[in-house]
Amino acid sequence: NDTSACKAFYGGLFGWEADESMGYYTMFKVEGAEMGVGGMMGMTPDMPPMPSNWTPYFYVENADETVAIAKSNGAEVVAGPQDVPGMVRFAIIKDPAGAYFGIFNPLAKPE
């Protein structure tokens, strides 16, 4: 839960740069990449106690369709689908074995 130590560790390990322009959420970026390659959020006081963890996210063409397919295959939708305005549409899903993962599709950029 030490976000400063995590920024230093993953920055050094993978060469990621920490973009903290989103406030409570840190996006990790690599030079030349259009999108972030990872993200990090510290624990907030309203969250229940939990160990540090990773939630993998998968790029999909359509978050809503992917959620429907996941549900039809026995998954539980934990959050979403919902938009991060101007960025992505995402959902958090729990598979039938209990593992959590996220999906997202970028939103169209305004012209």
PDB file of N, CA and C in Angstrom:
ATOM      1  N   ASN A   1       0.801  -1.202   0.000  1.00  0.00           N
ATOM      2  CA  ASN A   1       0.000   0.000   0.000  1.00  0.00           C
ATOM      3  C   ASN A   1       0.846   1.268   0.000  1.00  0.00           C
ATOM      4  N   ASP A   2       2.144   1.122  -0.167  1.00  0.00           N
ATOM      5  CA  ASP A   2       3.050   2.269  -0.218  1.00  0.00           C
ATOM      6  C   ASP A   2       3.216   2.677  -1.685  1.00  0.00           C
ATOM      7  N   THR A   3       2.388   3.610  -2.133  1.00  0.00           N
ATOM      8  CA  THR A   3       2.388   3.969  -3.558  1.00  0.00           C
ATOM      9  C   THR A   3       3.703   4.613  -3.995  1.00  0.00           C
ATOM     10  N   SER A   4       4.371   5.337  -3.114  1.00  0.00           N
ATOM     11  CA  SER A   4       5.672   5.932  -3.480  1.00  0.00           C
ATOM     12  C   SER A   4       6.698   4.847  -3.772  1.00  0.00           C
ATOM     13  N   ALA A   5       6.736   3.825  -2.920  1.00  0.00           N
ATOM     14  CA  ALA A   5       7.666   2.720  -3.143  1.00  0.00           C
ATOM     15  C   ALA A   5       7.304   1.955  -4.419  1.00  0.00           C
ATOM     16  N   CYS A   6       5.998   1.790  -4.678  1.00  0.00           N
ATOM     17  CA  CYS A   6       5.568   1.082  -5.890  1.00  0.00           C
ATOM     18  C   CYS A   6       5.970   1.843  -7.148  1.00  0.00           C
ATOM     19  N   LYS A   7       5.801   3.157  -7.136  1.00  0.00           N
ATOM     20  CA  LYS A   7       6.204   3.974  -8.303  1.00  0.00           C
ATOM     21  C   LYS A   7       7.686   3.779  -8.582  1.00  0.00           C
ATOM     22  N   ALA A   8       8.489   3.831  -7.530  1.00  0.00           N
ATOM     23  CA  ALA A   8       9.930   3.670  -7.702  1.00  0.00           C
ATOM     24  C   ALA A   8      10.271   2.263  -8.193  1.00  0.00           C
ATOM     25  N   PHE A   9       9.638   1.242  -7.603  1.00  0.00           N
ATOM     26  CA  PHE A   9       9.934  -0.141  -7.974  1.00  0.00           C
ATOM     27  C   PHE A   9       9.575  -0.420  -9.429  1.00  0.00           C
ATOM     28  N   TYR A  10       8.312  -0.154  -9.815  1.00  0.00           N
ATOM     29  CA  TYR A  10       7.882  -0.489 -11.173  1.00  0.00           C
ATOM     30  C   TYR A  10       8.500   0.431 -12.210  1.00  0.00           C
ATOM     31  N   GLY A  11       8.777   1.664 -11.830  1.00  0.00           N
ATOM     32  CA  GLY A  11       9.495   2.558 -12.735  1.00  0.00           C
ATOM     33  C   GLY A  11      10.879   2.018 -13.039  1.00  0.00           C
ATOM     34  N   GLY A  12      11.576   1.562 -12.004  1.00  0.00           N
ATOM     35  CA  GLY A  12      12.908   1.006 -12.194  1.00  0.00           C
ATOM     36  C   GLY A  12      12.900  -0.339 -12.891  1.00  0.00           C
ATOM     37  N   LEU A  13      11.914  -1.170 -12.569  1.00  0.00           N
ATOM     38  CA  LEU A  13      11.841  -2.511 -13.151  1.00  0.00           C
ATOM     39  C   LEU A  13      11.497  -2.483 -14.636  1.00  0.00           C
ATOM     40  N   PHE A  14      10.470  -1.707 -15.000  1.00  0.00           N
ATOM     41  CA  PHE A  14       9.976  -1.715 -16.377  1.00  0.00           C
ATOM     42  C   PHE A  14      10.278  -0.445 -17.158  1.00  0.00           C
ATOM     43  N   GLY A  15      10.850   0.570 -16.511  1.00  0.00           N
ATOM     44  CA  GLY A  15      11.100   1.838 -17.194  1.00  0.00           C
ATOM     45  C   GLY A  15       9.839   2.678 -17.341  1.00  0.00           C
ATOM     46  N   TRP A  16       8.846   2.427 -16.506  1.00  0.00           N
ATOM     47  CA  TRP A  16       7.582   3.157 -16.574  1.00  0.00           C
ATOM     48  C   TRP A  16       7.737   4.543 -15.967  1.00  0.00           C
ATOM     49  N   GLU A  17       7.031   5.499 -16.532  1.00  0.00           N
ATOM     50  CA  GLU A  17       6.951   6.844 -15.968  1.00  0.00           C
ATOM     51  C   GLU A  17       5.588   6.991 -15.305  1.00  0.00           C
ATOM     52  N   ALA A  18       5.568   7.596 -14.118  1.00  0.00           N
ATOM     53  CA  ALA A  18       4.320   7.772 -13.377  1.00  0.00           C
ATOM     54  C   ALA A  18       3.678   9.101 -13.754  1.00  0.00           C
ATOM     55  N   ASP A  19       2.462   9.031 -14.266  1.00  0.00           N
ATOM     56  CA  ASP A  19       1.669  10.221 -14.589  1.00  0.00           C
ATOM     57  C   ASP A  19       0.608  10.359 -13.503  1.00  0.00           C
ATOM     58  N   GLU A  20       0.747  11.385 -12.690  1.00  0.00           N
ATOM     59  CA  GLU A  20      -0.165  11.571 -11.560  1.00  0.00           C
ATOM     60  C   GLU A  20      -1.193  12.663 -11.825  1.00  0.00           C
ATOM     61  N   SER A  21      -1.460  12.941 -13.080  1.00  0.00           N
ATOM     62  CA  SER A  21      -2.373  14.031 -13.434  1.00  0.00           C
ATOM     63  C   SER A  21      -3.838  13.706 -13.145  1.00  0.00           C
ATOM     64  N   MET A  22      -4.145  12.451 -12.812  1.00  0.00           N
ATOM     65  CA  MET A  22      -5.534  12.065 -12.541  1.00  0.00           C
ATOM     66  C   MET A  22      -5.866  12.132 -11.053  1.00  0.00           C
ATOM     67  N   GLY A  23      -5.019  12.726 -10.242  1.00  0.00           N
ATOM     68  CA  GLY A  23      -5.294  12.855  -8.815  1.00  0.00           C
ATOM     69  C   GLY A  23      -4.997  11.588  -8.042  1.00  0.00           C
ATOM     70  N   TYR A  24      -6.029  10.884  -7.614  1.00  0.00           N
ATOM     71  CA  TYR A  24      -5.866   9.699  -6.773  1.00  0.00           C
ATOM     72  C   TYR A  24      -5.330   8.488  -7.535  1.00  0.00           C
ATOM     73  N   TYR A  25      -5.339   8.541  -8.866  1.00  0.00           N
ATOM     74  CA  TYR A  25      -4.954   7.396  -9.686  1.00  0.00           C
ATOM     75  C   TYR A  25      -3.676   7.730 -10.446  1.00  0.00           C
ATOM     76  N   THR A  26      -2.709   6.846 -10.394  1.00  0.00           N
ATOM     77  CA  THR A  26      -1.452   7.019 -11.123  1.00  0.00           C
ATOM     78  C   THR A  26      -1.484   6.130 -12.349  1.00  0.00           C
ATOM     79  N   MET A  27      -1.243   6.703 -13.509  1.00  0.00           N
ATOM     80  CA  MET A  27      -1.163   5.942 -14.752  1.00  0.00           C
ATOM     81  C   MET A  27       0.316   5.765 -15.078  1.00  0.00           C
ATOM     82  N   PHE A  28       0.714   4.536 -15.361  1.00  0.00           N
ATOM     83  CA  PHE A  28       2.083   4.274 -15.783  1.00  0.00           C
ATOM     84  C   PHE A  28       2.145   4.318 -17.302  1.00  0.00           C
ATOM     85  N   LYS A  29       3.163   4.982 -17.811  1.00  0.00           N
ATOM     86  CA  LYS A  29       3.323   5.134 -19.258  1.00  0.00           C
ATOM     87  C   LYS A  29       4.742   4.789 -19.668  1.00  0.00           C
ATOM     88  N   VAL A  30       4.871   4.422 -20.931  1.00  0.00           N
ATOM     89  CA  VAL A  30       6.195   4.227 -21.518  1.00  0.00           C
ATOM     90  C   VAL A  30       6.320   5.163 -22.695  1.00  0.00           C
ATOM     91  N   GLU A  31       7.531   5.591 -22.938  1.00  0.00           N
ATOM     92  CA  GLU A  31       7.770   6.528 -24.032  1.00  0.00           C
ATOM     93  C   GLU A  31       7.286   5.951 -25.356  1.00  0.00           C
ATOM     94  N   GLY A  32       6.538   6.747 -26.093  1.00  0.00           N
ATOM     95  CA  GLY A  32       6.054   6.349 -27.400  1.00  0.00           C
ATOM     96  C   GLY A  32       4.717   5.630 -27.397  1.00  0.00           C
ATOM     97  N   ALA A  33       4.222   5.220 -26.230  1.00  0.00           N
ATOM     98  CA  ALA A  33       2.940   4.512 -26.162  1.00  0.00           C
ATOM     99  C   ALA A  33       1.805   5.521 -26.062  1.00  0.00           C
ATOM    100  N   GLU A  34       0.759   5.291 -26.846  1.00  0.00           N
ATOM    101  CA  GLU A  34      -0.395   6.190 -26.823  1.00  0.00           C
ATOM    102  C   GLU A  34      -1.200   6.043 -25.537  1.00  0.00           C
ATOM    103  N   MET A  35      -1.315   4.819 -25.047  1.00  0.00           N
ATOM    104  CA  MET A  35      -2.104   4.559 -23.836  1.00  0.00           C
ATOM    105  C   MET A  35      -1.187   4.132 -22.701  1.00  0.00           C
ATOM    106  N   GLY A  36      -1.716   4.207 -21.486  1.00  0.00           N
ATOM    107  CA  GLY A  36      -0.975   3.737 -20.335  1.00  0.00           C
ATOM    108  C   GLY A  36      -0.791   2.236 -20.377  1.00  0.00           C
ATOM    109  N   VAL A  37       0.230   1.762 -19.688  1.00  0.00           N
ATOM    110  CA  VAL A  37       0.511   0.326 -19.649  1.00  0.00           C
ATOM    111  C   VAL A  37       0.154  -0.281 -18.296  1.00  0.00           C
ATOM    112  N   GLY A  38      -0.209   0.566 -17.352  1.00  0.00           N
ATOM    113  CA  GLY A  38      -0.578   0.093 -16.033  1.00  0.00           C
ATOM    114  C   GLY A  38      -1.112   1.256 -15.222  1.00  0.00           C
ATOM    115  N   GLY A  39      -1.661   0.947 -14.090  1.00  0.00           N
ATOM    116  CA  GLY A  39      -2.183   1.989 -13.227  1.00  0.00           C
ATOM    117  C   GLY A  39      -2.110   1.562 -11.782  1.00  0.00           C
ATOM    118  N   MET A  40      -2.227   2.551 -10.899  1.00  0.00           N
ATOM    119  CA  MET A  40      -2.111   2.272  -9.483  1.00  0.00           C
ATOM    120  C   MET A  40      -2.980   3.252  -8.707  1.00  0.00           C
ATOM    121  N   MET A  41      -3.613   2.727  -7.682  1.00  0.00           N
ATOM    122  CA  MET A  41      -4.423   3.565  -6.812  1.00  0.00           C
ATOM    123  C   MET A  41      -4.154   3.135  -5.375  1.00  0.00           C
ATOM    124  N   GLY A  42      -3.903   4.098  -4.522  1.00  0.00           N
ATOM    125  CA  GLY A  42      -3.696   3.797  -3.117  1.00  0.00           C
ATOM    126  C   GLY A  42      -5.009   3.468  -2.433  1.00  0.00           C
ATOM    127  N   MET A  43      -4.908   2.899  -1.266  1.00  0.00           N
ATOM    128  CA  MET A  43      -6.087   2.581  -0.477  1.00  0.00           C
ATOM    129  C   MET A  43      -6.701   3.875   0.049  1.00  0.00           C
ATOM    130  N   THR A  44      -8.004   3.965   0.005  1.00  0.00           N
ATOM    131  CA  THR A  44      -8.694   5.126   0.541  1.00  0.00           C
ATOM    132  C   THR A  44      -9.387   4.714   1.839  1.00  0.00           C
ATOM    133  N   PRO A  45      -9.687   5.676   2.715  1.00  0.00           N
ATOM    134  CA  PRO A  45     -10.283   5.337   4.012  1.00  0.00           C
ATOM    135  C   PRO A  45     -11.617   4.587   3.912  1.00  0.00           C
ATOM    136  N   ASP A  46     -12.353   4.754   2.809  1.00  0.00           N
ATOM    137  CA  ASP A  46     -13.649   4.088   2.686  1.00  0.00           C
ATOM    138  C   ASP A  46     -13.546   2.655   2.176  1.00  0.00           C
ATOM    139  N   MET A  47     -12.340   2.197   1.834  1.00  0.00           N
ATOM    140  CA  MET A  47     -12.153   0.829   1.344  1.00  0.00           C
ATOM    141  C   MET A  47     -11.982  -0.132   2.514  1.00  0.00           C
ATOM    142  N   PRO A  48     -12.507  -1.354   2.370  1.00  0.00           N
ATOM    143  CA  PRO A  48     -12.280  -2.346   3.431  1.00  0.00           C
ATOM    144  C   PRO A  48     -10.811  -2.781   3.421  1.00  0.00           C
ATOM    145  N   PRO A  49     -10.315  -3.291   4.535  1.00  0.00           N
ATOM    146  CA  PRO A  49      -8.933  -3.777   4.556  1.00  0.00           C
ATOM    147  C   PRO A  49      -8.740  -4.879   3.515  1.00  0.00           C
ATOM    148  N   MET A  50      -7.646  -4.786   2.801  1.00  0.00           N
ATOM    149  CA  MET A  50      -7.313  -5.814   1.809  1.00  0.00           C
ATOM    150  C   MET A  50      -5.821  -5.748   1.529  1.00  0.00           C
ATOM    151  N   PRO A  51      -5.259  -6.851   1.070  1.00  0.00           N
ATOM    152  CA  PRO A  51      -3.835  -6.831   0.724  1.00  0.00           C
ATOM    153  C   PRO A  51      -3.627  -6.093  -0.601  1.00  0.00           C
ATOM    154  N   SER A  52      -2.402  -5.669  -0.823  1.00  0.00           N
ATOM    155  CA  SER A  52      -2.060  -5.097  -2.126  1.00  0.00           C
ATOM    156  C   SER A  52      -2.355  -6.139  -3.187  1.00  0.00           C
ATOM    157  N   ASN A  53      -2.825  -5.701  -4.348  1.00  0.00           N
ATOM    158  CA  ASN A  53      -3.165  -6.661  -5.393  1.00  0.00           C
ATOM    159  C   ASN A  53      -3.138  -5.994  -6.756  1.00  0.00           C
ATOM    160  N   TRP A  54      -3.131  -6.807  -7.764  1.00  0.00           N
ATOM    161  CA  TRP A  54      -3.202  -6.357  -9.156  1.00  0.00           C
ATOM    162  C   TRP A  54      -4.525  -6.818  -9.745  1.00  0.00           C
ATOM    163  N   THR A  55      -5.101  -5.991 -10.600  1.00  0.00           N
ATOM    164  CA  THR A  55      -6.258  -6.390 -11.386  1.00  0.00           C
ATOM    165  C   THR A  55      -5.868  -6.228 -12.843  1.00  0.00           C
ATOM    166  N   PRO A  56      -5.695  -7.328 -13.566  1.00  0.00           N
ATOM    167  CA  PRO A  56      -5.354  -7.184 -14.988  1.00  0.00           C
ATOM    168  C   PRO A  56      -6.559  -6.660 -15.760  1.00  0.00           C
ATOM    169  N   TYR A  57      -6.282  -5.824 -16.742  1.00  0.00           N
ATOM    170  CA  TYR A  57      -7.312  -5.311 -17.643  1.00  0.00           C
ATOM    171  C   TYR A  57      -7.002  -5.792 -19.049  1.00  0.00           C
ATOM    172  N   PHE A  58      -8.055  -6.096 -19.791  1.00  0.00           N
ATOM    173  CA  PHE A  58      -7.910  -6.546 -21.161  1.00  0.00           C
ATOM    174  C   PHE A  58      -8.617  -5.571 -22.086  1.00  0.00           C
ATOM    175  N   TYR A  59      -7.944  -5.229 -23.170  1.00  0.00           N
ATOM    176  CA  TYR A  59      -8.550  -4.376 -24.185  1.00  0.00           C
ATOM    177  C   TYR A  59      -9.590  -5.188 -24.935  1.00  0.00           C
ATOM    178  N   VAL A  60     -10.785  -4.624 -25.109  1.00  0.00           N
ATOM    179  CA  VAL A  60     -11.847  -5.271 -25.886  1.00  0.00           C
ATOM    180  C   VAL A  60     -12.410  -4.253 -26.871  1.00  0.00           C
ATOM    181  N   GLU A  61     -13.050  -4.734 -27.897  1.00  0.00           N
ATOM    182  CA  GLU A  61     -13.655  -3.828 -28.881  1.00  0.00           C
ATOM    183  C   GLU A  61     -14.890  -3.131 -28.334  1.00  0.00           C
ATOM    184  N   ASN A  62     -15.655  -3.844 -27.484  1.00  0.00           N
ATOM    185  CA  ASN A  62     -16.901  -3.286 -26.969  1.00  0.00           C
ATOM    186  C   ASN A  62     -17.131  -3.831 -25.558  1.00  0.00           C
ATOM    187  N   ALA A  63     -17.021  -2.951 -24.554  1.00  0.00           N
ATOM    188  CA  ALA A  63     -17.154  -3.389 -23.162  1.00  0.00           C
ATOM    189  C   ALA A  63     -18.537  -3.970 -22.874  1.00  0.00           C
ATOM    190  N   ASP A  64     -19.589  -3.355 -23.416  1.00  0.00           N
ATOM    191  CA  ASP A  64     -20.941  -3.833 -23.141  1.00  0.00           C
ATOM    192  C   ASP A  64     -21.165  -5.244 -23.699  1.00  0.00           C
ATOM    193  N   GLU A  65     -20.713  -5.480 -24.908  1.00  0.00           N
ATOM    194  CA  GLU A  65     -20.871  -6.816 -25.497  1.00  0.00           C
ATOM    195  C   GLU A  65     -20.044  -7.845 -24.731  1.00  0.00           C
ATOM    196  N   THR A  66     -18.839  -7.468 -24.325  1.00  0.00           N
ATOM    197  CA  THR A  66     -17.986  -8.396 -23.590  1.00  0.00           C
ATOM    198  C   THR A  66     -18.592  -8.741 -22.237  1.00  0.00           C
ATOM    199  N   VAL A  67     -19.202  -7.761 -21.560  1.00  0.00           N
ATOM    200  CA  VAL A  67     -19.884  -8.026 -20.290  1.00  0.00           C
ATOM    201  C   VAL A  67     -21.021  -9.023 -20.500  1.00  0.00           C
ATOM    202  N   ALA A  68     -21.789  -8.843 -21.548  1.00  0.00           N
ATOM    203  CA  ALA A  68     -22.894  -9.764 -21.832  1.00  0.00           C
ATOM    204  C   ALA A  68     -22.376 -11.190 -22.068  1.00  0.00           C
ATOM    205  N   ILE A  69     -21.297 -11.313 -22.803  1.00  0.00           N
ATOM    206  CA  ILE A  69     -20.717 -12.640 -23.061  1.00  0.00           C
ATOM    207  C   ILE A  69     -20.192 -13.249 -21.767  1.00  0.00           C
ATOM    208  N   ALA A  70     -19.502 -12.433 -20.949  1.00  0.00           N
ATOM    209  CA  ALA A  70     -18.967 -12.930 -19.680  1.00  0.00           C
ATOM    210  C   ALA A  70     -20.095 -13.428 -18.780  1.00  0.00           C
ATOM    211  N   LYS A  71     -21.182 -12.660 -18.678  1.00  0.00           N
ATOM    212  CA  LYS A  71     -22.328 -13.069 -17.849  1.00  0.00           C
ATOM    213  C   LYS A  71     -22.937 -14.365 -18.356  1.00  0.00           C
ATOM    214  N   SER A  72     -23.041 -14.508 -19.677  1.00  0.00           N
ATOM    215  CA  SER A  72     -23.636 -15.723 -20.238  1.00  0.00           C
ATOM    216  C   SER A  72     -22.755 -16.947 -19.996  1.00  0.00           C
ATOM    217  N   ASN A  73     -21.487 -16.701 -19.662  1.00  0.00           N
ATOM    218  CA  ASN A  73     -20.558 -17.794 -19.367  1.00  0.00           C
ATOM    219  C   ASN A  73     -20.319 -17.965 -17.870  1.00  0.00           C
ATOM    220  N   GLY A  74     -21.190 -17.367 -17.052  1.00  0.00           N
ATOM    221  CA  GLY A  74     -21.136 -17.599 -15.618  1.00  0.00           C
ATOM    222  C   GLY A  74     -20.371 -16.574 -14.798  1.00  0.00           C
ATOM    223  N   ALA A  75     -19.921 -15.478 -15.408  1.00  0.00           N
ATOM    224  CA  ALA A  75     -19.190 -14.459 -14.660  1.00  0.00           C
ATOM    225  C   ALA A  75     -20.155 -13.535 -13.923  1.00  0.00           C
ATOM    226  N   GLU A  76     -19.635 -12.861 -12.917  1.00  0.00           N
ATOM    227  CA  GLU A  76     -20.390 -11.857 -12.170  1.00  0.00           C
ATOM    228  C   GLU A  76     -19.800 -10.484 -12.487  1.00  0.00           C
ATOM    229  N   VAL A  77     -20.642  -9.530 -12.806  1.00  0.00           N
ATOM    230  CA  VAL A  77     -20.175  -8.173 -13.063  1.00  0.00           C
ATOM    231  C   VAL A  77     -20.124  -7.446 -11.721  1.00  0.00           C
ATOM    232  N   VAL A  78     -18.950  -6.974 -11.359  1.00  0.00           N
ATOM    233  CA  VAL A  78     -18.728  -6.325 -10.071  1.00  0.00           C
ATOM    234  C   VAL A  78     -18.947  -4.811 -10.193  1.00  0.00           C
ATOM    235  N   ALA A  79     -18.546  -4.244 -11.313  1.00  0.00           N
ATOM    236  CA  ALA A  79     -18.727  -2.804 -11.547  1.00  0.00           C
ATOM    237  C   ALA A  79     -18.830  -2.549 -13.042  1.00  0.00           C
ATOM    238  N   GLY A  80     -19.716  -1.603 -13.406  1.00  0.00           N
ATOM    239  CA  GLY A  80     -19.836  -1.206 -14.804  1.00  0.00           C
ATOM    240  C   GLY A  80     -20.802  -2.069 -15.574  1.00  0.00           C
ATOM    241  N   PRO A  81     -20.743  -1.919 -16.880  1.00  0.00           N
ATOM    242  CA  PRO A  81     -19.849  -1.036 -17.622  1.00  0.00           C
ATOM    243  C   PRO A  81     -20.171   0.435 -17.345  1.00  0.00           C
ATOM    244  N   GLN A  82     -19.100   1.216 -17.293  1.00  0.00           N
ATOM    245  CA  GLN A  82     -19.242   2.640 -17.078  1.00  0.00           C
ATOM    246  C   GLN A  82     -18.086   3.370 -17.743  1.00  0.00           C
ATOM    247  N   ASP A  83     -18.271   4.663 -17.927  1.00  0.00           N
ATOM    248  CA  ASP A  83     -17.267   5.471 -18.609  1.00  0.00           C
ATOM    249  C   ASP A  83     -16.381   6.206 -17.621  1.00  0.00           C
ATOM    250  N   VAL A  84     -15.116   6.319 -17.965  1.00  0.00           N
ATOM    251  CA  VAL A  84     -14.232   7.323 -17.394  1.00  0.00           C
ATOM    252  C   VAL A  84     -14.264   8.411 -18.463  1.00  0.00           C
ATOM    253  N   PRO A  85     -14.957   9.521 -18.204  1.00  0.00           N
ATOM    254  CA  PRO A  85     -15.231  10.514 -19.250  1.00  0.00           C
ATOM    255  C   PRO A  85     -13.996  10.899 -20.071  1.00  0.00           C
ATOM    256  N   GLY A  86     -14.180  10.798 -21.379  1.00  0.00           N
ATOM    257  CA  GLY A  86     -13.125  11.169 -22.310  1.00  0.00           C
ATOM    258  C   GLY A  86     -12.000  10.173 -22.443  1.00  0.00           C
ATOM    259  N   MET A  87     -12.088   9.036 -21.751  1.00  0.00           N
ATOM    260  CA  MET A  87     -10.984   8.082 -21.799  1.00  0.00           C
ATOM    261  C   MET A  87     -11.415   6.678 -22.237  1.00  0.00           C
ATOM    262  N   VAL A  88     -12.091   5.944 -21.338  1.00  0.00           N
ATOM    263  CA  VAL A  88     -12.425   4.547 -21.621  1.00  0.00           C
ATOM    264  C   VAL A  88     -13.801   4.196 -21.069  1.00  0.00           C
ATOM    265  N   ARG A  89     -14.354   3.117 -21.577  1.00  0.00           N
ATOM    266  CA  ARG A  89     -15.524   2.460 -20.999  1.00  0.00           C
ATOM    267  C   ARG A  89     -14.985   1.155 -20.423  1.00  0.00           C
ATOM    268  N   PHE A  90     -15.327   0.870 -19.151  1.00  0.00           N
ATOM    269  CA  PHE A  90     -14.711  -0.287 -18.502  1.00  0.00           C
ATOM    270  C   PHE A  90     -15.718  -1.029 -17.627  1.00  0.00           C
ATOM    271  N   ALA A  91     -15.308  -2.211 -17.215  1.00  0.00           N
ATOM    272  CA  ALA A  91     -16.065  -3.009 -16.252  1.00  0.00           C
ATOM    273  C   ALA A  91     -15.075  -3.869 -15.480  1.00  0.00           C
ATOM    274  N   ILE A  92     -15.475  -4.227 -14.261  1.00  0.00           N
ATOM    275  CA  ILE A  92     -14.719  -5.187 -13.448  1.00  0.00           C
ATOM    276  C   ILE A  92     -15.583  -6.440 -13.351  1.00  0.00           C
ATOM    277  N   ILE A  93     -14.971  -7.578 -13.610  1.00  0.00           N
ATOM    278  CA  ILE A  93     -15.690  -8.848 -13.694  1.00  0.00           C
ATOM    279  C   ILE A  93     -15.012  -9.870 -12.788  1.00  0.00           C
ATOM    280  N   LYS A  94     -15.833 -10.750 -12.196  1.00  0.00           N
ATOM    281  CA  LYS A  94     -15.306 -11.872 -11.422  1.00  0.00           C
ATOM    282  C   LYS A  94     -15.657 -13.141 -12.189  1.00  0.00           C
ATOM    283  N   ASP A  95     -14.647 -13.907 -12.553  1.00  0.00           N
ATOM    284  CA  ASP A  95     -14.911 -15.121 -13.327  1.00  0.00           C
ATOM    285  C   ASP A  95     -15.512 -16.199 -12.431  1.00  0.00           C
ATOM    286  N   PRO A  96     -16.005 -17.296 -13.013  1.00  0.00           N
ATOM    287  CA  PRO A  96     -16.655 -18.340 -12.215  1.00  0.00           C
ATOM    288  C   PRO A  96     -15.763 -18.964 -11.141  1.00  0.00           C
ATOM    289  N   ALA A  97     -14.434 -18.856 -11.307  1.00  0.00           N
ATOM    290  CA  ALA A  97     -13.515 -19.400 -10.307  1.00  0.00           C
ATOM    291  C   ALA A  97     -13.184 -18.388  -9.208  1.00  0.00           C
ATOM    292  N   GLY A  98     -13.693 -17.148  -9.342  1.00  0.00           N
ATOM    293  CA  GLY A  98     -13.475 -16.140  -8.318  1.00  0.00           C
ATOM    294  C   GLY A  98     -12.373 -15.137  -8.600  1.00  0.00           C
ATOM    295  N   ALA A  99     -11.722 -15.235  -9.753  1.00  0.00           N
ATOM    296  CA  ALA A  99     -10.653 -14.295 -10.104  1.00  0.00           C
ATOM    297  C   ALA A  99     -11.249 -13.020 -10.697  1.00  0.00           C
ATOM    298  N   TYR A 100     -10.704 -11.879 -10.303  1.00  0.00           N
ATOM    299  CA  TYR A 100     -11.174 -10.594 -10.798  1.00  0.00           C
ATOM    300  C   TYR A 100     -10.315 -10.128 -11.962  1.00  0.00           C
ATOM    301  N   PHE A 101     -10.940  -9.462 -12.924  1.00  0.00           N
ATOM    302  CA  PHE A 101     -10.219  -8.822 -14.023  1.00  0.00           C
ATOM    303  C   PHE A 101     -11.062  -7.672 -14.543  1.00  0.00           C
ATOM    304  N   GLY A 102     -10.424  -6.804 -15.280  1.00  0.00           N
ATOM    305  CA  GLY A 102     -11.134  -5.685 -15.871  1.00  0.00           C
ATOM    306  C   GLY A 102     -11.066  -5.742 -17.381  1.00  0.00           C
ATOM    307  N   ILE A 103     -12.003  -5.072 -18.004  1.00  0.00           N
ATOM    308  CA  ILE A 103     -12.001  -4.918 -19.460  1.00  0.00           C
ATOM    309  C   ILE A 103     -12.186  -3.437 -19.760  1.00  0.00           C
ATOM    310  N   PHE A 104     -11.715  -3.006 -20.918  1.00  0.00           N
ATOM    311  CA  PHE A 104     -11.945  -1.622 -21.306  1.00  0.00           C
ATOM    312  C   PHE A 104     -11.865  -1.477 -22.813  1.00  0.00           C
ATOM    313  N   ASN A 105     -12.577  -0.479 -23.294  1.00  0.00           N
ATOM    314  CA  ASN A 105     -12.384  -0.036 -24.669  1.00  0.00           C
ATOM    315  C   ASN A 105     -12.276   1.486 -24.630  1.00  0.00           C
ATOM    316  N   PRO A 106     -11.300   2.002 -25.385  1.00  0.00           N
ATOM    317  CA  PRO A 106     -11.134   3.460 -25.410  1.00  0.00           C
ATOM    318  C   PRO A 106     -12.389   4.126 -25.989  1.00  0.00           C
ATOM    319  N   LEU A 107     -12.733   5.278 -25.447  1.00  0.00           N
ATOM    320  CA  LEU A 107     -13.823   6.065 -26.003  1.00  0.00           C
ATOM    321  C   LEU A 107     -13.296   6.854 -27.179  1.00  0.00           C
ATOM    322  N   ALA A 108     -14.178   7.165 -28.125  1.00  0.00           N
ATOM    323  CA  ALA A 108     -13.777   7.957 -29.277  1.00  0.00           C
ATOM    324  C   ALA A 108     -13.293   9.318 -28.796  1.00  0.00           C
ATOM    325  N   LYS A 109     -12.185   9.759 -29.367  1.00  0.00           N
ATOM    326  CA  LYS A 109     -11.642  11.063 -29.006  1.00  0.00           C
ATOM    327  C   LYS A 109     -12.415  12.144 -29.754  1.00  0.00           C
ATOM    328  N   PRO A 110     -12.754  13.236 -29.067  1.00  0.00           N
ATOM    329  CA  PRO A 110     -13.453  14.326 -29.768  1.00  0.00           C
ATOM    330  C   PRO A 110     -12.575  14.924 -30.847  1.00  0.00           C
ATOM    331  N   GLU A 111     -13.189  15.323 -31.925  1.00  0.00           N
ATOM    332  CA  GLU A 111     -12.413  15.901 -33.027  1.00  0.00           C
ATOM    333  C   GLU A 111     -12.326  17.384 -32.901  1.00  0.00           C
TER     334      GLU A 111
END
